[in-house]
N, C-alpha and C. Protein backbone atom coordinates (compact mmCIF):
# COMPACT_ATOMS: atom_id res chain seq x y z
N MET A 1 -54.29 1.85 56.48
CA MET A 1 -55.13 0.88 55.74
C MET A 1 -55.95 1.37 54.59
N GLN A 2 -55.45 2.59 54.08
CA GLN A 2 -56.16 3.16 52.92
C GLN A 2 -55.96 2.34 51.71
N TRP A 3 -54.89 1.46 51.67
CA TRP A 3 -54.75 0.63 50.53
C TRP A 3 -55.80 -0.42 50.48
N ILE A 4 -56.43 -0.77 51.49
CA ILE A 4 -57.55 -1.75 51.57
C ILE A 4 -58.74 -0.98 50.88
N ASP A 5 -58.97 0.23 51.32
CA ASP A 5 -60.17 0.97 50.76
C ASP A 5 -59.99 1.21 49.27
N GLY A 6 -58.81 1.21 48.79
CA GLY A 6 -58.48 1.40 47.39
C GLY A 6 -58.38 0.12 46.68
N ALA A 7 -58.68 -1.11 47.35
CA ALA A 7 -58.53 -2.31 46.68
C ALA A 7 -57.16 -2.66 46.09
N ALA A 8 -56.19 -2.22 46.74
CA ALA A 8 -54.84 -2.55 46.35
C ALA A 8 -54.32 -3.79 46.88
N ASN A 9 -53.27 -4.33 46.37
CA ASN A 9 -52.76 -5.63 46.80
C ASN A 9 -51.31 -5.46 47.34
N VAL A 10 -50.89 -6.33 48.17
CA VAL A 10 -49.49 -6.52 48.62
C VAL A 10 -48.98 -7.88 48.27
N LEU A 11 -47.81 -7.97 47.81
CA LEU A 11 -47.19 -9.27 47.36
C LEU A 11 -45.82 -9.31 48.09
N PHE A 12 -45.65 -10.36 48.89
CA PHE A 12 -44.38 -10.48 49.58
C PHE A 12 -43.74 -11.67 48.88
N LEU A 13 -42.49 -11.38 48.33
CA LEU A 13 -41.72 -12.36 47.70
C LEU A 13 -40.45 -12.72 48.45
N GLY A 14 -40.02 -13.91 48.46
CA GLY A 14 -38.77 -14.28 49.08
C GLY A 14 -38.64 -15.72 49.41
N PRO A 15 -37.41 -16.18 49.73
CA PRO A 15 -37.28 -17.64 50.10
C PRO A 15 -37.94 -17.95 51.43
N PRO A 16 -38.24 -19.24 51.62
CA PRO A 16 -38.76 -19.69 52.82
C PRO A 16 -38.05 -19.10 54.03
N GLY A 17 -38.86 -18.78 55.07
CA GLY A 17 -38.32 -18.50 56.39
C GLY A 17 -37.92 -17.06 56.56
N VAL A 18 -38.21 -16.03 55.62
CA VAL A 18 -37.84 -14.74 55.83
C VAL A 18 -38.89 -13.84 56.36
N GLY A 19 -40.04 -14.34 56.74
CA GLY A 19 -41.08 -13.54 57.43
C GLY A 19 -42.17 -13.12 56.65
N LYS A 20 -42.35 -13.67 55.35
CA LYS A 20 -43.55 -13.18 54.56
C LYS A 20 -44.86 -13.47 55.19
N SER A 21 -45.01 -14.69 55.73
CA SER A 21 -46.30 -15.00 56.46
C SER A 21 -46.45 -14.17 57.66
N HIS A 22 -45.36 -13.81 58.36
CA HIS A 22 -45.45 -13.04 59.59
C HIS A 22 -46.04 -11.67 59.23
N LEU A 23 -45.49 -11.11 58.30
CA LEU A 23 -45.75 -9.74 57.74
C LEU A 23 -47.26 -9.72 57.35
N THR A 24 -47.66 -10.80 56.63
CA THR A 24 -49.03 -10.97 56.25
C THR A 24 -49.98 -10.95 57.48
N VAL A 25 -49.68 -11.71 58.47
CA VAL A 25 -50.51 -11.76 59.58
C VAL A 25 -50.58 -10.45 60.33
N SER A 26 -49.44 -9.77 60.30
CA SER A 26 -49.35 -8.42 60.95
C SER A 26 -50.29 -7.46 60.31
N LEU A 27 -50.26 -7.39 58.95
CA LEU A 27 -51.26 -6.54 58.21
C LEU A 27 -52.74 -6.95 58.37
N ALA A 28 -52.90 -8.32 58.45
CA ALA A 28 -54.30 -8.73 58.67
C ALA A 28 -54.79 -8.31 60.02
N LEU A 29 -54.00 -8.42 61.01
CA LEU A 29 -54.42 -8.07 62.32
C LEU A 29 -54.64 -6.49 62.28
N GLN A 30 -53.92 -5.71 61.70
CA GLN A 30 -54.23 -4.33 61.66
C GLN A 30 -55.52 -4.05 60.86
N ALA A 31 -55.70 -4.77 59.75
CA ALA A 31 -57.08 -4.54 59.15
C ALA A 31 -58.23 -5.02 59.99
N ILE A 32 -58.11 -6.00 60.78
CA ILE A 32 -59.08 -6.50 61.71
C ILE A 32 -59.34 -5.39 62.71
N GLN A 33 -58.28 -4.82 63.29
CA GLN A 33 -58.41 -3.84 64.29
C GLN A 33 -59.11 -2.52 63.70
N ALA A 34 -58.96 -2.39 62.31
CA ALA A 34 -59.64 -1.21 61.63
C ALA A 34 -61.07 -1.65 61.18
N ARG A 35 -61.46 -2.80 61.73
CA ARG A 35 -62.89 -3.32 61.38
C ARG A 35 -63.02 -3.76 59.93
N GLN A 36 -62.07 -4.14 59.38
CA GLN A 36 -62.17 -4.71 57.90
C GLN A 36 -62.27 -6.20 58.10
N SER A 37 -63.13 -6.85 57.17
CA SER A 37 -63.20 -8.27 57.10
C SER A 37 -61.96 -8.90 56.38
N VAL A 38 -61.47 -9.95 57.03
CA VAL A 38 -60.17 -10.50 56.59
C VAL A 38 -60.47 -12.06 56.46
N TYR A 39 -59.87 -12.72 55.55
CA TYR A 39 -59.73 -14.17 55.33
C TYR A 39 -58.31 -14.49 55.05
N PHE A 40 -57.72 -15.48 55.81
CA PHE A 40 -56.38 -15.94 55.57
C PHE A 40 -56.47 -17.45 55.28
N VAL A 41 -55.75 -17.82 54.13
CA VAL A 41 -55.77 -19.14 53.72
C VAL A 41 -54.48 -19.51 53.01
N THR A 42 -54.01 -20.71 53.01
CA THR A 42 -52.90 -21.03 52.12
C THR A 42 -53.59 -21.34 50.78
N ILE A 43 -52.83 -21.14 49.69
CA ILE A 43 -53.40 -21.42 48.32
C ILE A 43 -53.78 -22.92 48.23
N GLN A 44 -53.04 -23.88 48.82
CA GLN A 44 -53.43 -25.16 48.71
C GLN A 44 -54.76 -25.55 49.38
N ASP A 45 -55.03 -24.89 50.51
CA ASP A 45 -56.34 -25.15 51.23
C ASP A 45 -57.44 -24.49 50.45
N MET A 46 -57.18 -23.26 49.94
CA MET A 46 -58.24 -22.57 49.02
C MET A 46 -58.51 -23.36 47.86
N ILE A 47 -57.50 -23.91 47.18
CA ILE A 47 -57.70 -24.73 45.86
C ILE A 47 -58.43 -25.96 46.18
N ALA A 48 -58.11 -26.69 47.29
CA ALA A 48 -58.66 -27.89 47.70
C ALA A 48 -60.25 -27.53 47.89
N ASP A 49 -60.49 -26.50 48.62
CA ASP A 49 -61.90 -26.13 48.88
C ASP A 49 -62.67 -25.85 47.59
N LEU A 50 -62.02 -25.07 46.66
CA LEU A 50 -62.75 -24.77 45.43
C LEU A 50 -62.81 -25.94 44.53
N ARG A 51 -61.90 -26.89 44.63
CA ARG A 51 -61.94 -28.05 43.77
C ARG A 51 -63.17 -28.87 44.25
N ARG A 52 -63.36 -29.00 45.53
CA ARG A 52 -64.51 -29.87 46.00
C ARG A 52 -65.76 -29.10 45.66
N ALA A 53 -65.84 -27.71 45.63
CA ALA A 53 -67.10 -27.13 45.24
C ALA A 53 -67.33 -27.28 43.69
N TRP A 54 -66.22 -27.24 43.01
CA TRP A 54 -66.41 -27.49 41.54
C TRP A 54 -67.00 -28.87 41.30
N ASP A 55 -66.43 -29.93 41.92
CA ASP A 55 -66.94 -31.30 41.86
C ASP A 55 -68.34 -31.35 42.32
N ASP A 56 -68.81 -30.64 43.24
CA ASP A 56 -70.06 -30.71 43.80
C ASP A 56 -71.11 -29.73 43.13
N ASN A 57 -70.60 -29.05 42.11
CA ASN A 57 -71.47 -28.02 41.41
C ASN A 57 -71.96 -26.94 42.19
N ARG A 58 -71.15 -26.41 43.17
CA ARG A 58 -71.48 -25.35 43.99
C ARG A 58 -70.35 -24.31 44.14
N LEU A 59 -69.73 -24.12 42.95
CA LEU A 59 -68.46 -23.21 42.94
C LEU A 59 -69.00 -21.73 43.25
N PRO A 60 -70.09 -21.24 42.73
CA PRO A 60 -70.40 -19.76 42.96
C PRO A 60 -70.52 -19.46 44.48
N ALA A 61 -71.10 -20.39 45.10
CA ALA A 61 -71.20 -20.14 46.61
C ALA A 61 -69.89 -20.21 47.33
N ARG A 62 -68.93 -21.03 46.88
CA ARG A 62 -67.65 -21.03 47.54
C ARG A 62 -66.77 -19.85 47.08
N LEU A 63 -66.99 -19.49 45.79
CA LEU A 63 -66.14 -18.32 45.32
C LEU A 63 -66.39 -17.09 46.18
N ALA A 64 -67.66 -17.02 46.68
CA ALA A 64 -68.07 -15.83 47.52
C ALA A 64 -67.38 -15.80 48.71
N VAL A 65 -66.98 -17.00 49.23
CA VAL A 65 -66.21 -16.99 50.51
C VAL A 65 -64.84 -16.22 50.40
N TYR A 66 -64.29 -16.29 49.23
CA TYR A 66 -63.04 -15.72 48.92
C TYR A 66 -63.03 -14.26 48.32
N THR A 67 -64.34 -13.94 47.79
CA THR A 67 -64.53 -12.66 47.21
C THR A 67 -65.13 -11.56 48.25
N ARG A 68 -65.86 -12.09 49.13
CA ARG A 68 -66.60 -11.19 50.01
C ARG A 68 -65.69 -10.36 50.96
N PRO A 69 -64.69 -10.95 51.59
CA PRO A 69 -63.83 -10.14 52.61
C PRO A 69 -63.17 -8.96 51.89
N LYS A 70 -62.96 -7.88 52.62
CA LYS A 70 -62.28 -6.76 52.17
C LYS A 70 -60.88 -7.10 51.92
N LEU A 71 -60.23 -7.93 52.63
CA LEU A 71 -58.89 -8.36 52.49
C LEU A 71 -58.83 -9.97 52.48
N LEU A 72 -58.23 -10.47 51.44
CA LEU A 72 -57.95 -11.91 51.28
C LEU A 72 -56.40 -12.15 51.30
N CYS A 73 -55.88 -12.93 52.35
CA CYS A 73 -54.56 -13.23 52.39
C CYS A 73 -54.33 -14.64 51.88
N VAL A 74 -53.47 -14.84 50.92
CA VAL A 74 -53.27 -16.17 50.26
C VAL A 74 -51.78 -16.38 50.52
N ASP A 75 -51.50 -17.44 51.22
CA ASP A 75 -50.21 -17.75 51.73
C ASP A 75 -49.64 -18.91 50.88
N GLU A 76 -48.21 -18.90 50.68
CA GLU A 76 -47.53 -20.11 50.08
C GLU A 76 -47.80 -20.27 48.59
N VAL A 77 -48.01 -19.17 47.80
CA VAL A 77 -48.12 -19.27 46.39
C VAL A 77 -46.89 -19.74 45.81
N GLY A 78 -46.86 -20.79 45.05
CA GLY A 78 -45.54 -21.27 44.42
C GLY A 78 -44.90 -22.46 45.00
N TYR A 79 -45.24 -22.77 46.22
CA TYR A 79 -44.55 -23.88 46.89
C TYR A 79 -44.77 -25.18 46.19
N LEU A 80 -46.03 -25.35 45.68
CA LEU A 80 -46.35 -26.51 44.88
C LEU A 80 -47.06 -26.11 43.62
N PRO A 81 -46.64 -26.78 42.46
CA PRO A 81 -47.32 -26.40 41.24
C PRO A 81 -48.81 -26.79 41.20
N LEU A 82 -49.59 -26.01 40.41
CA LEU A 82 -51.04 -26.20 40.42
C LEU A 82 -51.32 -26.95 39.07
N GLU A 83 -52.32 -27.83 39.16
CA GLU A 83 -52.88 -28.38 38.05
C GLU A 83 -53.73 -27.33 37.21
N ARG A 84 -54.04 -27.63 35.99
CA ARG A 84 -54.70 -26.58 35.07
C ARG A 84 -56.00 -26.05 35.70
N LEU A 85 -56.85 -26.98 36.17
CA LEU A 85 -58.20 -26.47 36.78
C LEU A 85 -57.83 -25.74 38.10
N ASP A 86 -56.91 -26.18 38.79
CA ASP A 86 -56.57 -25.44 40.05
C ASP A 86 -56.18 -23.94 39.74
N ALA A 87 -55.25 -23.75 38.79
CA ALA A 87 -54.82 -22.48 38.30
C ALA A 87 -56.01 -21.62 37.75
N THR A 88 -56.94 -22.27 36.99
CA THR A 88 -58.07 -21.58 36.48
C THR A 88 -58.95 -21.09 37.73
N LEU A 89 -59.18 -21.99 38.74
CA LEU A 89 -60.00 -21.53 39.87
C LEU A 89 -59.26 -20.37 40.62
N PHE A 90 -57.97 -20.38 40.75
CA PHE A 90 -57.24 -19.24 41.37
C PHE A 90 -57.41 -18.05 40.54
N PHE A 91 -57.36 -18.14 39.19
CA PHE A 91 -57.66 -16.98 38.29
C PHE A 91 -58.97 -16.43 38.61
N ARG A 92 -59.99 -17.31 38.82
CA ARG A 92 -61.35 -16.74 38.99
C ARG A 92 -61.41 -15.93 40.28
N VAL A 93 -60.78 -16.30 41.22
CA VAL A 93 -60.75 -15.66 42.56
C VAL A 93 -60.10 -14.29 42.38
N VAL A 94 -58.85 -14.20 41.73
CA VAL A 94 -58.09 -13.02 41.49
C VAL A 94 -58.98 -12.10 40.62
N SER A 95 -59.54 -12.62 39.58
CA SER A 95 -60.26 -11.90 38.60
C SER A 95 -61.51 -11.28 39.32
N ALA A 96 -62.27 -12.00 40.10
CA ALA A 96 -63.35 -11.54 40.83
C ALA A 96 -63.06 -10.45 41.86
N ARG A 97 -61.86 -10.39 42.37
CA ARG A 97 -61.56 -9.54 43.42
C ARG A 97 -60.90 -8.25 42.77
N TYR A 98 -60.52 -8.37 41.53
CA TYR A 98 -59.81 -7.19 40.86
C TYR A 98 -60.58 -5.87 41.00
N GLU A 99 -59.88 -5.03 41.62
CA GLU A 99 -60.46 -3.59 41.78
C GLU A 99 -61.70 -3.54 42.61
N ARG A 100 -61.99 -4.68 43.44
CA ARG A 100 -63.08 -4.77 44.32
C ARG A 100 -62.59 -5.11 45.67
N GLY A 101 -61.50 -5.83 45.91
CA GLY A 101 -60.99 -6.18 47.19
C GLY A 101 -59.55 -6.40 47.14
N SER A 102 -58.96 -6.20 48.24
CA SER A 102 -57.47 -6.25 48.39
C SER A 102 -57.02 -7.76 48.63
N MET A 103 -55.90 -7.99 48.29
CA MET A 103 -55.24 -9.26 48.53
C MET A 103 -53.80 -9.04 49.02
N ILE A 104 -53.32 -9.90 49.88
CA ILE A 104 -51.98 -10.09 50.19
C ILE A 104 -51.52 -11.52 49.81
N LEU A 105 -50.56 -11.65 49.00
CA LEU A 105 -50.02 -12.96 48.63
C LEU A 105 -48.55 -13.16 49.08
N THR A 106 -48.23 -14.31 49.51
CA THR A 106 -46.82 -14.59 49.77
C THR A 106 -46.36 -15.57 48.74
N SER A 107 -45.19 -15.49 48.29
CA SER A 107 -44.65 -16.44 47.31
C SER A 107 -43.08 -16.64 47.46
N ASN A 108 -42.67 -17.81 47.18
CA ASN A 108 -41.23 -18.09 47.20
C ASN A 108 -40.61 -18.09 45.73
N LYS A 109 -41.48 -17.72 44.80
CA LYS A 109 -41.24 -17.67 43.39
C LYS A 109 -41.14 -16.22 42.93
N SER A 110 -40.26 -15.94 41.95
CA SER A 110 -40.19 -14.70 41.26
C SER A 110 -41.30 -14.76 40.29
N PHE A 111 -41.72 -13.64 39.85
CA PHE A 111 -42.88 -13.59 38.87
C PHE A 111 -42.45 -14.30 37.53
N SER A 112 -41.23 -14.32 37.21
CA SER A 112 -40.82 -15.06 35.97
C SER A 112 -41.10 -16.51 36.18
N GLU A 113 -41.16 -16.98 37.29
CA GLU A 113 -41.41 -18.44 37.55
C GLU A 113 -42.90 -18.85 37.63
N TRP A 114 -43.75 -17.86 37.61
CA TRP A 114 -45.16 -18.22 37.92
C TRP A 114 -45.78 -18.90 36.76
N GLY A 115 -45.29 -18.90 35.54
CA GLY A 115 -45.75 -19.70 34.52
C GLY A 115 -45.63 -21.14 34.85
N GLU A 116 -44.51 -21.57 35.42
CA GLU A 116 -44.41 -22.91 35.86
C GLU A 116 -45.32 -23.26 37.02
N VAL A 117 -45.47 -22.40 37.93
CA VAL A 117 -46.40 -22.62 39.13
C VAL A 117 -47.88 -22.79 38.62
N PHE A 118 -48.24 -22.04 37.65
CA PHE A 118 -49.73 -22.09 37.21
C PHE A 118 -49.88 -23.12 36.01
N GLY A 119 -48.68 -23.63 35.50
CA GLY A 119 -48.72 -24.47 34.42
C GLY A 119 -49.07 -23.96 32.99
N ASP A 120 -49.05 -22.51 33.04
CA ASP A 120 -49.46 -21.87 31.74
C ASP A 120 -49.02 -20.38 31.83
N ALA A 121 -48.06 -20.01 31.06
CA ALA A 121 -47.50 -18.64 31.01
C ALA A 121 -48.56 -17.67 30.77
N VAL A 122 -49.57 -17.95 29.88
CA VAL A 122 -50.56 -16.89 29.52
C VAL A 122 -51.48 -16.60 30.74
N LEU A 123 -51.85 -17.76 31.47
CA LEU A 123 -52.70 -17.68 32.74
C LEU A 123 -52.00 -16.90 33.75
N ALA A 124 -50.73 -17.22 33.86
CA ALA A 124 -49.87 -16.54 34.99
C ALA A 124 -49.80 -15.18 34.70
N THR A 125 -49.65 -14.72 33.35
CA THR A 125 -49.56 -13.38 33.03
C THR A 125 -50.85 -12.58 33.36
N ALA A 126 -51.93 -13.18 33.08
CA ALA A 126 -53.27 -12.73 33.38
C ALA A 126 -53.49 -12.55 34.78
N ILE A 127 -53.01 -13.42 35.64
CA ILE A 127 -53.10 -13.30 37.13
C ILE A 127 -52.22 -12.10 37.57
N LEU A 128 -51.01 -12.18 37.12
CA LEU A 128 -50.10 -11.06 37.47
C LEU A 128 -50.58 -9.66 37.10
N ASP A 129 -51.13 -9.59 35.86
CA ASP A 129 -51.71 -8.41 35.32
C ASP A 129 -52.70 -7.72 36.30
N ARG A 130 -53.55 -8.60 36.84
CA ARG A 130 -54.57 -8.05 37.74
C ARG A 130 -54.02 -7.84 39.15
N LEU A 131 -53.20 -8.71 39.63
CA LEU A 131 -52.62 -8.39 40.94
C LEU A 131 -51.60 -7.26 40.98
N LEU A 132 -50.88 -7.01 39.99
CA LEU A 132 -49.85 -5.92 39.98
C LEU A 132 -50.41 -4.57 39.60
N HIS A 133 -51.55 -4.50 39.04
CA HIS A 133 -52.04 -3.18 38.63
C HIS A 133 -52.06 -2.19 39.67
N HIS A 134 -52.61 -2.57 40.82
CA HIS A 134 -52.75 -1.68 42.11
C HIS A 134 -52.03 -2.57 43.07
N SER A 135 -50.69 -2.30 43.27
CA SER A 135 -49.97 -3.18 44.20
C SER A 135 -48.78 -2.68 44.76
N THR A 136 -48.25 -3.21 45.81
CA THR A 136 -46.98 -3.05 46.35
C THR A 136 -46.21 -4.34 46.39
N VAL A 137 -45.12 -4.44 45.87
CA VAL A 137 -44.34 -5.66 45.87
C VAL A 137 -43.16 -5.42 46.78
N VAL A 138 -42.97 -6.47 47.75
CA VAL A 138 -41.88 -6.39 48.70
C VAL A 138 -41.13 -7.60 48.50
N ASN A 139 -39.89 -7.44 47.98
CA ASN A 139 -38.87 -8.52 47.74
C ASN A 139 -38.05 -8.63 49.08
N ILE A 140 -38.07 -9.84 49.71
CA ILE A 140 -37.31 -10.02 50.96
C ILE A 140 -36.19 -10.93 50.75
N ARG A 141 -34.96 -10.55 51.05
CA ARG A 141 -33.86 -11.42 50.84
C ARG A 141 -33.33 -11.71 52.24
N GLY A 142 -32.69 -12.80 52.31
CA GLY A 142 -32.06 -13.28 53.60
C GLY A 142 -32.10 -14.81 53.70
N GLU A 143 -31.66 -15.08 54.93
CA GLU A 143 -31.61 -16.46 55.33
C GLU A 143 -32.80 -16.80 56.11
N SER A 144 -33.15 -18.07 56.03
CA SER A 144 -34.38 -18.53 56.80
C SER A 144 -34.10 -18.42 58.34
N TYR A 145 -35.04 -17.87 59.00
CA TYR A 145 -34.88 -17.74 60.39
C TYR A 145 -34.84 -19.15 61.15
N ARG A 146 -35.52 -20.06 60.53
CA ARG A 146 -35.41 -21.42 60.98
C ARG A 146 -34.04 -21.99 60.94
N LEU A 147 -33.37 -21.87 59.76
CA LEU A 147 -32.01 -22.27 59.60
C LEU A 147 -31.05 -21.47 60.37
N ARG A 148 -31.29 -20.23 60.57
CA ARG A 148 -30.39 -19.38 61.43
C ARG A 148 -30.46 -19.99 62.84
N GLU A 149 -31.63 -20.23 63.26
CA GLU A 149 -31.78 -20.75 64.69
C GLU A 149 -31.12 -22.10 64.81
N LYS A 150 -31.26 -22.90 63.75
CA LYS A 150 -30.69 -24.23 63.73
C LYS A 150 -29.15 -24.11 63.83
N LYS A 151 -28.61 -23.19 62.99
CA LYS A 151 -27.15 -23.07 63.05
C LYS A 151 -26.61 -22.51 64.39
N ARG A 152 -27.35 -21.62 65.02
CA ARG A 152 -26.99 -21.19 66.32
C ARG A 152 -26.89 -22.21 67.30
N GLY A 153 -27.82 -23.10 67.30
CA GLY A 153 -27.96 -24.25 68.28
C GLY A 153 -26.92 -25.31 68.10
N GLN A 154 -26.25 -25.39 66.92
CA GLN A 154 -25.21 -26.26 66.64
C GLN A 154 -23.88 -25.75 66.58
N GLY A 155 -23.66 -24.53 66.84
CA GLY A 155 -22.24 -24.00 66.93
C GLY A 155 -21.83 -23.59 65.55
N PRO A 156 -20.43 -23.45 65.41
CA PRO A 156 -19.95 -22.76 64.17
C PRO A 156 -20.20 -23.85 63.00
N ALA A 157 -20.16 -25.14 63.22
CA ALA A 157 -20.35 -26.00 62.12
C ALA A 157 -21.68 -25.99 61.42
N GLY A 158 -22.71 -25.41 62.18
CA GLY A 158 -24.01 -25.18 61.67
C GLY A 158 -24.65 -26.44 61.33
N LEU A 159 -25.31 -26.40 60.18
CA LEU A 159 -26.15 -27.60 59.72
C LEU A 159 -25.21 -28.78 59.42
N LEU A 160 -24.03 -28.56 59.04
CA LEU A 160 -23.10 -29.64 58.64
C LEU A 160 -22.39 -30.29 59.77
N GLY A 161 -22.64 -29.72 60.99
CA GLY A 161 -21.89 -30.28 62.24
C GLY A 161 -22.55 -31.59 62.60
N PRO A 162 -21.80 -32.35 63.53
CA PRO A 162 -22.35 -33.63 63.93
C PRO A 162 -23.62 -33.53 64.76
N PRO A 163 -24.39 -34.53 64.69
CA PRO A 163 -25.79 -34.39 65.48
C PRO A 163 -25.46 -34.26 66.99
N ALA A 164 -26.38 -33.63 67.68
CA ALA A 164 -26.19 -33.56 69.10
C ALA A 164 -26.21 -34.80 69.67
N SER A 165 -25.53 -34.93 70.88
CA SER A 165 -25.42 -36.26 71.62
C SER A 165 -26.75 -36.86 71.94
N GLY A 166 -26.93 -38.02 71.52
CA GLY A 166 -28.20 -38.79 71.70
C GLY A 166 -29.28 -38.41 70.74
N ALA A 167 -29.09 -37.53 69.75
CA ALA A 167 -30.11 -37.16 68.83
C ALA A 167 -30.57 -38.30 67.99
N LEU A 168 -29.72 -39.24 67.73
CA LEU A 168 -30.26 -40.51 66.96
C LEU A 168 -30.56 -41.66 67.84
N ASP A 169 -30.33 -41.64 69.14
CA ASP A 169 -30.78 -42.64 69.92
C ASP A 169 -32.26 -42.71 70.18
N ASN A 170 -32.69 -43.99 70.23
CA ASN A 170 -34.24 -44.06 70.60
C ASN A 170 -34.34 -44.22 72.04
């Protein structure tokens, strides 16, 4: 857990279903066992919370929720594009944590696609600049465990096979 003491980051990249969130939870549990403060949130929930705080003129208090823990885990970066204000709010969190607290992020997008996710290539570059400065990036390749299980359950035809008997019956 020395990487947390050094305010380093971990970024898990890969397609859906390859274990990025599971790995994040595992590292978060290790940090908790080492008596580190941890906060786990999806980017959508964090942005919705910060957006409400922005609207209610109480952003500094809500930013503290995301900057205070030693480790902030942000799941599902890139699954949905962010509006300009949302991307700016995320940048504020990343910037406030830079060299002060560790982050783990999971994303289904490569870094070259983050400009689309954040709606602004310059903002995406600024976010990546701070995240990657002290970081470990883990690229995970493979098939979704959910689809693998689905294929196993339906035999060799996999997802394209006929539905199970009675599956469409009410």
